[in-house]
Structures are given as structure tokens and as C-alpha cells.
Amino acid sequence: MKVGFVPLSLALVVSMVMVLGIVFFILGTSSAAGQYPVDVIPKVNVESGGSLSITGGTTGANVIDFGNMGPGQTLERTLNLGITANNAWHLTVSKNQDLTYMSTTIPSANFTFTSMAGTPPPSGTPSYFSNSQFGTNTNVVTNGSATSSSNVDVVYKLAIPGDQPCNDPLQGYYSSRHTFTLVVGSP
């Protein structure tokens, strides 16, 4: 009598096919009586929100540089702001002081701004302001509508008075800090 051996790899393949067949049979025959569904209801409150960013018009660390100016000279610089808001919004600006060097200041009336729509402009019919002096919570834009991406340009206008004292460039320069605040939703 002749005895034949089945190669081990063939025996493993046949065994695996049989095991997989049994597993598929068992899993495929589960009855509806063994199923226990449960519902989940996702819920979220979306708050008013938005973002404000400087998209252009500054140098270095958010500096608007007017460079060297002489008495009686007037220059304009444009600051570009990017806005997103999921609700009605308005934009304000506050200053910490007038343009100051040591104890000398440039009068507020000589440093103004005009706000206008950038590209892309805010939707709806927002209100813009012309020749406004910087103050505390001074309006830049009001009545803005929800937007996924809009730009506002703020044109700074600086007129140096004819009798304005000069500064020592080794000691410092005339400066101020302006804080723009985007308010989204009810004020």
C-alpha cells in the first residue's frame, strides 16, 4: 500500500477556507431578535463668531511706517483687514494715545482715517466713515452682514503741522498703538 502525504501548505489553506466559511455562516445567520439599535441625536449651539486679521499695509510687526516726513507734508497709508463673521458685525478702533514722541504730540485732527470696502467687499450695506479721528471705540464699519471672507481698507492720513517739533531718530519716533476690534452679534 502506498501512502501519500498532503503538503503542509495545502492542508493549511484548506483548513483556513473551512474556518472562514464557518465564521461567515455564523455571522451571516444572526437573527433580527439579536439586534439592539439605539439612536443618537447630535446637538450643537453655534455661537456668534468671527475673525479679524491684518492682510496687508504693514511692515515688520504690524507697523504702519510713514517714514521721514517734513513740516507741512501729508501722506496716506492703507491698512488691509480681513474679516469673517457668522452674524451681523461692526468694527471699531481705539488708540492708546495721540502720535507721541517724549512729551510732544501730533494733534488728533492731523491724524485721521477713512474706511472703505476692500476686495472682496463686505456683503450687505455696511456703513463706512470718512476723515474720522482715532479715539476710544471709534466706529470703522457698522451694519456688516455675515461673511465668510471680506476685506475692509482703512486709509490712514497723516498731516504734519508746519510747526511740529522734530524728533531725535536715535531716541525714538512719534508713535501710538491702535487696536481694531471686531464685534460679532448683538453689541
Protein backbone atom coordinates (compact mmCIF):
# COMPACT_ATOMS: atom_id res chain seq x y z
CA MET A 1 0.00 0.00 0.00
CA LYS A 2 1.20 3.35 -0.98
CA VAL A 3 0.79 6.24 1.47
CA GLY A 4 0.69 9.79 0.12
CA PHE A 5 1.41 12.87 2.12
CA VAL A 6 -0.52 16.07 1.66
CA PRO A 7 1.82 19.06 1.69
CA LEU A 8 1.51 21.11 4.88
CA SER A 9 0.78 24.36 2.97
CA LEU A 10 -2.18 22.77 1.17
CA ALA A 11 -3.54 21.46 4.47
CA LEU A 12 -3.29 24.97 5.99
CA VAL A 13 -5.07 26.55 3.05
CA VAL A 14 -7.92 24.01 3.19
CA SER A 15 -8.22 24.47 6.98
CA MET A 16 -8.33 28.30 6.67
CA VAL A 17 -11.03 28.13 3.98
CA MET A 18 -13.13 25.88 6.19
CA VAL A 19 -12.70 28.17 9.25
CA LEU A 20 -13.59 31.26 7.23
CA GLY A 21 -16.64 29.50 5.82
CA ILE A 22 -17.87 28.65 9.31
CA VAL A 23 -17.26 32.24 10.54
CA PHE A 24 -19.18 33.72 7.58
CA PHE A 25 -22.00 31.24 8.13
CA ILE A 26 -22.31 32.12 11.83
CA LEU A 27 -22.13 35.90 11.26
CA GLY A 28 -24.46 35.79 8.28
CA THR A 29 -27.22 33.97 10.12
CA SER A 30 -27.72 36.34 13.04
CA SER A 31 -31.40 36.91 13.61
CA ALA A 32 -33.20 40.23 13.96
CA ALA A 33 -34.04 39.24 17.50
CA GLY A 34 -30.35 39.67 18.41
CA GLN A 35 -30.05 43.25 17.15
CA TYR A 36 -30.45 46.15 19.55
CA PRO A 37 -30.42 49.54 17.77
CA VAL A 38 -30.10 52.85 19.59
CA ASP A 39 -30.49 56.38 18.18
CA VAL A 40 -28.18 59.29 18.92
CA ILE A 41 -29.11 62.91 18.16
CA PRO A 42 -26.08 65.19 17.66
CA LYS A 43 -26.82 68.66 19.04
CA VAL A 44 -24.76 71.86 18.94
CA ASN A 45 -25.23 75.57 19.68
CA VAL A 46 -23.28 77.70 17.22
CA GLU A 47 -22.26 80.94 18.89
CA SER A 48 -21.65 84.21 17.12
CA GLY A 49 -18.08 84.27 15.99
CA GLY A 50 -15.63 85.61 13.51
CA SER A 51 -12.05 86.51 12.89
CA LEU A 52 -10.09 89.68 12.19
CA SER A 53 -6.67 89.72 10.59
CA ILE A 54 -4.25 92.18 9.03
CA THR A 55 -3.86 91.16 5.40
CA GLY A 56 -1.66 93.99 4.14
CA GLY A 57 -0.35 97.51 4.51
CA THR A 58 2.05 96.92 7.38
CA THR A 59 5.75 96.28 7.73
CA GLY A 60 7.57 94.26 10.35
CA ALA A 61 5.49 93.63 13.47
CA ASN A 62 2.23 95.23 12.27
CA VAL A 63 3.78 98.68 11.87
CA ILE A 64 2.39 101.32 9.51
CA ASP A 65 5.56 103.19 8.62
CA PHE A 66 5.20 106.75 7.34
CA GLY A 67 8.98 107.06 7.12
CA ASN A 68 10.54 110.53 7.24
CA MET A 69 8.11 113.43 6.88
CA GLY A 70 8.72 117.15 6.92
CA PRO A 71 6.62 120.03 8.30
CA GLY A 72 3.50 120.66 6.19
CA GLN A 73 3.75 117.26 4.44
CA THR A 74 0.73 114.92 4.14
CA LEU A 75 0.91 111.17 3.45
CA GLU A 76 -1.61 108.32 3.29
CA ARG A 77 -1.08 104.64 4.04
CA THR A 78 -3.69 101.89 3.64
CA LEU A 79 -4.19 99.09 6.15
CA ASN A 80 -6.00 96.00 4.80
CA LEU A 81 -8.12 93.98 7.24
CA GLY A 82 -9.67 90.54 6.61
CA ILE A 83 -12.99 89.70 8.26
CA THR A 84 -15.13 86.61 8.73
CA ALA A 85 -18.35 86.70 10.77
CA ASN A 86 -21.33 84.36 11.03
CA ASN A 87 -23.66 87.12 12.22
CA ALA A 88 -24.13 90.89 11.95
CA TRP A 89 -20.91 92.70 12.92
CA HIS A 90 -19.23 96.05 13.41
CA LEU A 91 -15.60 97.11 13.60
CA THR A 92 -14.11 99.70 15.95
CA VAL A 93 -10.66 101.16 16.57
CA SER A 94 -9.16 102.55 19.78
CA LYS A 95 -5.91 104.40 20.35
CA ASN A 96 -3.76 104.31 23.47
CA GLN A 97 -2.58 107.91 22.84
CA ASP A 98 -2.08 110.50 20.11
CA LEU A 99 1.06 110.18 17.99
CA THR A 100 3.62 110.99 20.69
CA TYR A 101 7.37 111.46 20.96
CA MET A 102 8.58 112.05 24.52
CA SER A 103 6.09 114.73 25.70
CA THR A 104 5.29 116.13 22.24
CA THR A 105 2.22 115.00 20.27
CA ILE A 106 0.84 115.42 16.78
CA PRO A 107 -2.73 116.77 17.16
CA SER A 108 -5.57 114.25 16.63
CA ALA A 109 -7.05 116.41 13.90
CA ASN A 110 -3.88 115.83 11.86
CA PHE A 111 -4.10 112.02 12.02
CA THR A 112 -7.36 110.64 10.59
CA PHE A 113 -8.73 107.60 8.79
CA THR A 114 -11.26 106.77 6.12
CA SER A 115 -12.76 103.26 5.96
CA MET A 116 -13.91 101.66 2.73
CA ALA A 117 -14.75 98.31 1.22
CA GLY A 118 -11.79 96.18 0.23
CA THR A 119 -11.72 93.27 -2.23
CA PRO A 120 -13.87 91.24 -1.71
CA PRO A 121 -16.12 93.85 -0.07
CA PRO A 122 -18.35 93.10 2.92
CA SER A 123 -21.82 91.99 1.84
CA GLY A 124 -24.99 93.93 2.54
CA THR A 125 -24.89 97.68 3.04
CA PRO A 126 -22.29 98.39 5.71
CA SER A 127 -21.59 101.97 6.76
CA TYR A 128 -18.10 103.43 6.36
CA PHE A 129 -16.59 106.58 7.85
CA SER A 130 -14.53 109.43 6.33
CA ASN A 131 -11.90 111.70 7.84
CA SER A 132 -12.51 110.32 11.34
CA GLN A 133 -10.15 110.96 14.22
CA PHE A 134 -8.87 107.98 16.16
CA GLY A 135 -10.48 107.77 19.59
CA THR A 136 -11.84 105.18 22.00
CA ASN A 137 -14.03 102.57 20.27
CA THR A 138 -14.36 104.77 17.19
CA ASN A 139 -16.55 103.15 14.52
CA VAL A 140 -14.72 101.94 11.43
CA VAL A 141 -17.55 99.86 9.90
CA THR A 142 -21.12 99.38 11.13
CA ASN A 143 -24.01 97.26 9.82
CA GLY A 144 -21.82 94.48 8.42
CA SER A 145 -23.59 91.27 7.35
CA ALA A 146 -22.44 87.70 7.91
CA THR A 147 -19.47 86.96 5.66
CA SER A 148 -17.12 84.07 5.03
CA SER A 149 -14.40 86.34 3.66
CA SER A 150 -14.46 90.12 3.32
CA ASN A 151 -11.88 92.88 3.39
CA VAL A 152 -12.00 96.40 4.77
CA ASP A 153 -9.41 99.02 3.89
CA VAL A 154 -8.54 101.70 6.42
CA VAL A 155 -6.74 104.66 4.83
CA TYR A 156 -4.57 106.46 7.39
CA LYS A 157 -3.93 110.14 6.62
CA LEU A 158 -1.15 111.96 8.45
CA ALA A 159 -0.61 115.72 8.01
CA ILE A 160 2.44 117.09 9.82
CA PRO A 161 1.77 120.61 11.17
CA GLY A 162 4.18 123.29 9.94
CA ASP A 163 5.40 123.99 13.48
CA GLN A 164 5.67 120.34 14.63
CA PRO A 165 8.85 119.74 16.69
CA CYS A 166 11.21 117.18 15.18
CA ASN A 167 12.26 114.03 17.00
CA ASP A 168 15.74 112.62 17.54
CA PRO A 169 15.85 109.44 15.38
CA LEU A 170 18.44 107.96 17.75
CA GLN A 171 16.00 108.36 20.65
CA GLY A 172 12.72 107.30 19.02
CA TYR A 173 9.86 108.37 16.80
CA TYR A 174 6.28 109.58 17.08
CA SER A 175 4.08 106.55 17.71
CA SER A 176 0.77 105.29 19.02
CA ARG A 177 -0.97 101.91 19.31
CA HIS A 178 -4.28 101.30 17.54
CA THR A 179 -6.45 98.32 18.47
CA PHE A 180 -9.09 97.18 15.98
CA THR A 181 -11.95 95.17 17.48
CA LEU A 182 -14.42 93.06 15.53
CA VAL A 183 -17.73 92.68 17.40
CA VAL A 184 -19.96 89.89 16.07
CA GLY A 185 -23.61 89.60 17.10
CA SER A 186 -25.51 91.96 19.34
CA PRO A 187 -23.32 94.70 20.85
